[in-house]
Amino acid sequence: MGGAHSHSHSHGAGHDHGHAHHHGHSHAPADFGRAFAIGVVLNSAFVVVEATYGFLSGSMALVADAGHNLSDVLALMLAWGASIAAKKPPSPRFTYGFKSSTILAALANAMLLAIAIGAILFETIHRFIDPAPVQGMTMVVVAGIGIVINTATALMFMRGRKHDLNIRGAFLHMAADALVSVGVVIAGLAILHTGQVWIDPVTSLIIVAVIAWGTWGLAKDSIKLGLHAVPDTIDVEAVRAHLAGLPGVEAVHDLHIWPMSTTETALTAHLVMPAVHPGDPFLATLRDGLKSRFGIGHVTVQVEQSRECAGGGCC
């Protein structure tokens, strides 16, 4: 017995209007285009300034902070590109559109960061072996500008962070940057105060540790998404229980939940419903329930009437 398929996305925008209230992320990309543009321009300019002054003033902490900010410009550009790509319509060949470009972007990001870490570490260790004079005042002023720029950028992404993992990533990156710049300011003040040059490479190492921690998280998450792991925000057993609890459903099998992008999740399942063959209203209710409770927006369900199917014999 072949089942009935309900594609919540088969009617394109059709189902978007009905329940726009929990659709915060479906129109987020458009809203944040300007935020991304401003963030990328400001931060790129700042990276150049910070790296230049870092080398001129002999401060590895500034150079490391520039590396950190560069990592965030990359993160912003990837998040931005992904939010644009995710809106591209599907084509006959790419039936999902380019939604998973967000996942590839996150992976590429992690690799670029790993390279940056290596370069900064190399230079920092060299500094420990051969200490150089550091201009503390330059550190304080330049990193101070960094605090302002990163805080401003973070605030622009503030309201989108609830709905969209992509936007939340951008927000957290910028907030972390502001904190790291605070660290550089404190280090600069300490050098001015004590004249101890070693404070600079130590700060640099701490920043590298911060970048490494972020990179590891990013790599882990993007690999999980790439392997179609169920997104962390979703409890599979809760979804299974939800489906099994629907009227007329006797069993649920072949349940698959996977990320289509960093913001959108898809689900397929087989429902054994021997007593009733559900109509469209049942499928609509099922779809709305999964959307509002679990944030799963792309649902395909196969309904089976014979119990033998549960073994997978006829599917």
Protein backbone atom coordinates (compact mmCIF):
# COMPACT_ATOMS: atom_id res chain seq x y z
CA MET A 1 0.00 0.00 0.00
CA GLY A 2 1.68 3.22 -1.12
CA GLY A 3 1.21 6.10 1.28
CA ALA A 4 0.00 9.65 1.00
CA HIS A 5 2.59 12.38 0.92
CA SER A 6 2.05 15.78 2.43
CA HIS A 7 4.72 18.28 1.52
CA SER A 8 4.38 21.37 3.61
CA HIS A 9 6.65 23.11 1.14
CA SER A 10 4.98 21.96 -2.06
CA HIS A 11 2.92 25.14 -2.22
CA GLY A 12 5.88 27.45 -1.83
CA ALA A 13 4.78 30.48 0.11
CA GLY A 14 1.25 29.21 0.54
CA HIS A 15 1.65 27.91 4.06
CA ASP A 16 3.81 30.77 5.23
CA HIS A 17 1.02 33.26 5.70
CA GLY A 18 -1.22 31.25 7.96
CA HIS A 19 1.14 31.04 10.91
CA ALA A 20 3.62 33.82 10.49
CA HIS A 21 3.89 34.28 14.26
CA HIS A 22 6.35 31.45 14.73
CA HIS A 23 7.95 32.13 11.40
CA GLY A 24 10.46 34.59 12.73
CA HIS A 25 13.22 33.04 10.65
CA SER A 26 11.47 32.73 7.31
CA HIS A 27 11.96 36.43 6.64
CA ALA A 28 15.04 37.01 8.80
CA PRO A 29 17.52 37.01 5.89
CA ALA A 30 15.93 40.08 4.31
CA ASP A 31 15.85 41.95 7.62
CA PHE A 32 19.49 41.31 8.37
CA GLY A 33 20.98 42.12 4.97
CA ARG A 34 21.82 45.63 6.12
CA ALA A 35 23.18 44.43 9.47
CA PHE A 36 25.45 41.97 7.66
CA ALA A 37 26.66 44.62 5.21
CA ILE A 38 27.47 47.16 7.91
CA GLY A 39 29.07 44.48 10.11
CA VAL A 40 31.30 43.17 7.33
CA VAL A 41 32.47 46.63 6.19
CA LEU A 42 33.16 47.94 9.72
CA ASN A 43 34.90 44.78 10.88
CA SER A 44 36.98 44.34 7.71
CA ALA A 45 38.27 47.89 7.97
CA PHE A 46 39.03 47.33 11.65
CA VAL A 47 40.95 44.09 10.98
CA VAL A 48 43.26 45.95 8.59
CA VAL A 49 43.81 48.80 11.08
CA GLU A 50 44.32 46.44 14.02
CA ALA A 51 46.74 44.11 12.24
CA THR A 52 48.75 47.08 10.93
CA TYR A 53 49.06 48.73 14.33
CA GLY A 54 49.72 45.37 15.93
CA PHE A 55 52.80 44.86 13.78
CA LEU A 56 53.89 48.50 14.08
CA SER A 57 53.56 48.60 17.87
CA GLY A 58 55.02 45.11 18.29
CA SER A 59 51.88 43.82 20.00
CA MET A 60 51.09 40.16 19.36
CA ALA A 61 47.89 40.56 21.36
CA LEU A 62 46.64 43.11 18.81
CA VAL A 63 47.64 40.83 15.94
CA ALA A 64 45.85 37.90 17.59
CA ASP A 65 42.79 40.08 18.18
CA ALA A 66 42.89 41.08 14.50
CA GLY A 67 42.98 37.35 13.69
CA HIS A 68 39.98 36.86 15.92
CA ASN A 69 38.13 39.71 14.24
CA LEU A 70 39.05 38.38 10.81
CA SER A 71 37.57 35.04 11.80
CA ASP A 72 34.39 36.91 12.58
CA VAL A 73 34.33 38.80 9.32
CA LEU A 74 34.55 35.38 7.63
CA ALA A 75 31.80 34.09 9.89
CA LEU A 76 29.60 37.09 9.07
CA MET A 77 30.20 36.73 5.33
CA LEU A 78 29.42 33.03 5.46
CA ALA A 79 26.29 33.59 7.52
CA TRP A 80 25.26 36.35 5.11
CA GLY A 81 25.97 34.33 1.98
CA ALA A 82 24.16 31.37 3.46
CA SER A 83 21.10 33.44 4.39
CA ILE A 84 20.95 34.66 0.78
CA ALA A 85 21.57 31.21 -0.71
CA ALA A 86 18.91 29.67 1.53
CA LYS A 87 16.33 31.93 -0.17
CA LYS A 88 17.23 30.84 -3.70
CA PRO A 89 14.43 28.84 -5.28
CA PRO A 90 14.98 25.12 -5.92
CA SER A 91 15.95 24.07 -9.43
CA PRO A 92 15.29 20.75 -11.18
CA ARG A 93 18.79 19.62 -10.23
CA PHE A 94 19.00 21.20 -6.76
CA THR A 95 15.57 20.29 -5.48
CA TYR A 96 16.33 21.70 -2.04
CA GLY A 97 17.70 24.94 -3.47
CA PHE A 98 21.01 25.88 -1.86
CA LYS A 99 19.96 25.67 1.76
CA SER A 100 22.78 23.41 2.87
CA SER A 101 25.36 25.94 1.68
CA THR A 102 25.07 27.25 5.26
CA ILE A 103 26.48 23.92 6.47
CA LEU A 104 29.35 23.93 3.97
CA ALA A 105 30.07 27.55 4.89
CA ALA A 106 30.38 26.69 8.57
CA LEU A 107 32.84 23.89 7.75
CA ALA A 108 34.96 26.14 5.55
CA ASN A 109 34.95 28.72 8.33
CA ALA A 110 36.34 26.23 10.84
CA MET A 111 39.19 25.29 8.49
CA LEU A 112 40.16 28.91 7.85
CA LEU A 113 40.19 29.54 11.59
CA ALA A 114 42.47 26.59 12.22
CA ILE A 115 44.99 28.08 9.77
CA ALA A 116 44.80 31.50 11.46
CA ILE A 117 45.40 29.88 14.85
CA GLY A 118 48.53 28.17 13.59
CA ALA A 119 49.96 31.40 12.19
CA ILE A 120 49.32 33.41 15.36
CA LEU A 121 50.68 30.63 17.62
CA PHE A 122 53.87 30.45 15.58
CA GLU A 123 54.47 34.19 15.93
CA THR A 124 53.52 34.24 19.62
CA ILE A 125 55.96 31.47 20.55
CA HIS A 126 58.62 33.37 18.65
CA ARG A 127 57.77 36.39 20.85
CA PHE A 128 58.27 34.40 24.03
CA ILE A 129 61.72 33.34 22.87
CA ASP A 130 62.67 36.81 21.68
CA PRO A 131 60.71 39.47 23.63
CA ALA A 132 60.27 42.83 21.89
CA PRO A 133 59.19 46.21 23.28
CA VAL A 134 55.44 46.79 23.06
CA GLN A 135 53.59 50.10 22.87
CA GLY A 136 50.85 49.76 25.45
CA MET A 137 49.02 52.95 24.52
CA THR A 138 48.49 51.81 20.93
CA MET A 139 47.03 48.55 22.25
CA VAL A 140 44.58 50.40 24.46
CA VAL A 141 43.36 52.82 21.78
CA VAL A 142 43.06 50.32 18.92
CA ALA A 143 41.39 47.60 21.01
CA GLY A 144 39.10 50.29 22.46
CA ILE A 145 37.83 51.02 18.95
CA GLY A 146 37.33 47.26 18.57
CA ILE A 147 35.05 47.17 21.61
CA VAL A 148 32.83 49.89 20.10
CA ILE A 149 32.64 48.28 16.63
CA ASN A 150 31.97 44.76 17.90
CA THR A 151 29.35 45.86 20.42
CA ALA A 152 27.56 47.91 17.75
CA THR A 153 27.55 44.97 15.33
CA ALA A 154 26.37 42.53 18.01
CA LEU A 155 23.43 44.79 18.86
CA MET A 156 22.27 44.74 15.22
CA PHE A 157 21.85 40.96 15.39
CA MET A 158 20.32 41.01 18.86
CA ARG A 159 16.69 40.55 17.87
CA GLY A 160 17.24 37.75 15.35
CA ARG A 161 19.18 35.46 17.64
CA LYS A 162 16.08 33.75 19.06
CA HIS A 163 14.83 32.24 15.79
CA ASP A 164 17.85 31.61 13.61
CA LEU A 165 20.97 29.63 14.44
CA ASN A 166 22.75 31.48 11.66
CA ILE A 167 21.95 34.90 13.17
CA ARG A 168 22.69 33.65 16.70
CA GLY A 169 26.13 32.60 15.46
CA ALA A 170 26.78 36.09 14.12
CA PHE A 171 25.59 37.64 17.38
CA LEU A 172 27.74 35.43 19.59
CA HIS A 173 30.82 36.00 17.43
CA MET A 174 30.50 39.75 17.78
CA ALA A 175 29.78 39.65 21.51
CA ALA A 176 32.82 37.42 22.07
CA ASP A 177 34.93 39.82 20.02
CA ALA A 178 33.95 42.74 22.19
CA LEU A 179 35.05 40.77 25.28
CA VAL A 180 38.37 39.78 23.71
CA SER A 181 39.05 43.44 22.87
CA VAL A 182 38.35 44.27 26.51
CA GLY A 183 41.08 41.76 27.39
CA VAL A 184 43.54 43.49 25.05
CA VAL A 185 42.75 46.90 26.59
CA ILE A 186 43.40 45.50 30.08
CA ALA A 187 46.68 43.94 28.87
CA GLY A 188 47.74 47.26 27.31
CA LEU A 189 47.03 49.10 30.56
CA ALA A 190 48.97 46.47 32.50
CA ILE A 191 51.98 46.88 30.19
CA LEU A 192 51.83 50.67 30.54
CA HIS A 193 51.62 50.27 34.29
CA THR A 194 54.25 47.61 34.91
CA GLY A 195 56.43 47.68 31.81
CA GLN A 196 56.27 43.86 31.71
CA VAL A 197 56.44 42.89 28.03
CA TRP A 198 55.51 39.22 28.58
CA ILE A 199 51.90 40.28 29.30
CA ASP A 200 51.44 40.77 25.55
CA PRO A 201 52.22 37.26 24.26
CA VAL A 202 50.34 35.73 27.21
CA THR A 203 47.24 37.73 26.20
CA SER A 204 47.80 36.55 22.64
CA LEU A 205 47.79 32.92 23.81
CA ILE A 206 44.55 33.44 25.71
CA ILE A 207 42.93 34.92 22.59
CA VAL A 208 44.16 31.97 20.52
CA ALA A 209 42.58 29.64 23.08
CA VAL A 210 39.28 31.53 22.70
CA ILE A 211 39.45 31.21 18.90
CA ALA A 212 40.36 27.52 19.18
CA TRP A 213 37.41 26.85 21.48
CA GLY A 214 35.04 28.56 19.05
CA THR A 215 36.57 26.77 16.06
CA TRP A 216 36.22 23.38 17.69
CA GLY A 217 32.54 24.05 18.42
CA LEU A 218 31.95 25.30 14.88
CA ALA A 219 33.71 22.32 13.30
CA LYS A 220 31.84 19.85 15.49
CA ASP A 221 28.43 21.41 14.79
CA SER A 222 28.97 21.75 11.05
CA ILE A 223 30.19 18.16 10.74
CA LYS A 224 27.15 16.97 12.69
CA LEU A 225 24.89 18.95 10.33
CA GLY A 226 26.80 17.61 7.33
CA LEU A 227 26.19 14.06 8.54
CA HIS A 228 22.47 14.83 8.85
CA ALA A 229 22.43 14.48 12.62
CA VAL A 230 19.22 15.61 14.28
CA PRO A 231 19.67 19.30 15.28
CA ASP A 232 20.53 19.76 18.97
CA THR A 233 17.36 21.75 19.59
CA ILE A 234 15.13 18.79 18.74
CA ASP A 235 14.36 15.82 20.98
CA VAL A 236 13.72 12.85 18.69
CA GLU A 237 11.80 10.86 21.30
CA ALA A 238 9.51 13.82 21.96
CA VAL A 239 8.79 14.08 18.22
CA ARG A 240 8.15 10.32 18.03
CA ALA A 241 5.79 10.50 21.01
CA HIS A 242 4.02 13.50 19.48
CA LEU A 243 3.40 11.63 16.21
CA ALA A 244 2.40 8.40 17.98
CA GLY A 245 -0.09 10.37 20.07
CA LEU A 246 -2.01 11.72 17.07
CA PRO A 247 -5.54 10.31 16.70
CA GLY A 248 -5.61 7.07 14.70
CA VAL A 249 -1.86 6.51 14.68
CA GLU A 250 -0.94 3.01 15.88
CA ALA A 251 2.78 3.03 15.16
CA VAL A 252 5.52 5.31 13.88
CA HIS A 253 8.52 3.95 12.00
CA ASP A 254 11.23 5.14 9.60
CA LEU A 255 11.33 8.47 11.38
CA HIS A 256 14.06 10.71 9.99
CA ILE A 257 14.83 14.24 11.08
CA TRP A 258 17.65 16.14 9.43
CA PRO A 259 18.89 19.70 8.91
CA MET A 260 18.32 21.16 5.45
CA SER A 261 20.32 24.22 6.45
CA THR A 262 21.48 25.83 9.67
CA THR A 263 17.93 27.14 10.14
CA GLU A 264 15.55 24.66 8.50
CA THR A 265 14.73 21.13 9.51
CA ALA A 266 13.01 18.37 7.55
CA LEU A 267 11.20 15.26 8.72
CA THR A 268 9.94 12.11 7.06
CA ALA A 269 8.03 9.36 8.82
CA HIS A 270 5.76 6.40 8.16
CA LEU A 271 2.56 6.35 10.20
CA VAL A 272 0.61 3.11 10.57
CA MET A 273 -3.10 4.05 10.64
CA PRO A 274 -5.22 0.91 10.13
CA ALA A 275 -8.59 2.30 11.20
CA VAL A 276 -8.78 5.58 9.34
CA HIS A 277 -7.29 6.98 6.20
CA PRO A 278 -6.63 10.59 7.14
CA GLY A 279 -7.46 13.47 4.88
CA ASP A 280 -5.80 16.81 4.32
CA PRO A 281 -7.06 18.34 7.60
CA PHE A 282 -5.15 15.64 9.56
CA LEU A 283 -1.99 16.34 7.60
CA ALA A 284 -2.39 20.10 8.08
CA THR A 285 -2.80 19.64 11.85
CA LEU A 286 0.22 17.35 11.95
CA ARG A 287 2.29 19.87 10.00
CA ASP A 288 1.29 22.83 12.16
CA GLY A 289 1.98 20.86 15.34
CA LEU A 290 5.51 19.92 14.24
CA LYS A 291 6.15 23.49 13.13
CA SER A 292 4.99 25.20 16.31
CA ARG A 293 6.29 22.64 18.83
CA PHE A 294 9.58 21.58 17.27
CA GLY A 295 10.31 24.12 14.56
CA ILE A 296 10.27 21.44 11.85
CA GLY A 297 9.07 23.11 8.66
CA HIS A 298 9.41 20.49 5.92
CA VAL A 299 7.32 17.43 6.66
CA THR A 300 6.64 14.41 4.46
CA VAL A 301 4.48 11.63 5.91
CA GLN A 302 3.68 8.23 4.47
CA VAL A 303 0.47 6.76 5.78
CA GLU A 304 0.11 2.97 5.81
CA GLN A 305 -3.04 0.99 6.56
CA SER A 306 -1.81 -2.53 7.01
CA ARG A 307 0.01 -3.44 10.21
CA GLU A 308 2.46 -5.65 8.28
CA CYS A 309 4.08 -2.50 6.98
CA ALA A 310 5.50 -1.77 10.38
CA GLY A 311 8.10 -4.45 9.74
CA GLY A 312 9.18 -2.61 6.64
CA GLY A 313 8.04 -5.46 4.41
CA CYS A 314 6.05 -3.45 1.89
CA CYS A 315 7.73 -0.07 1.95
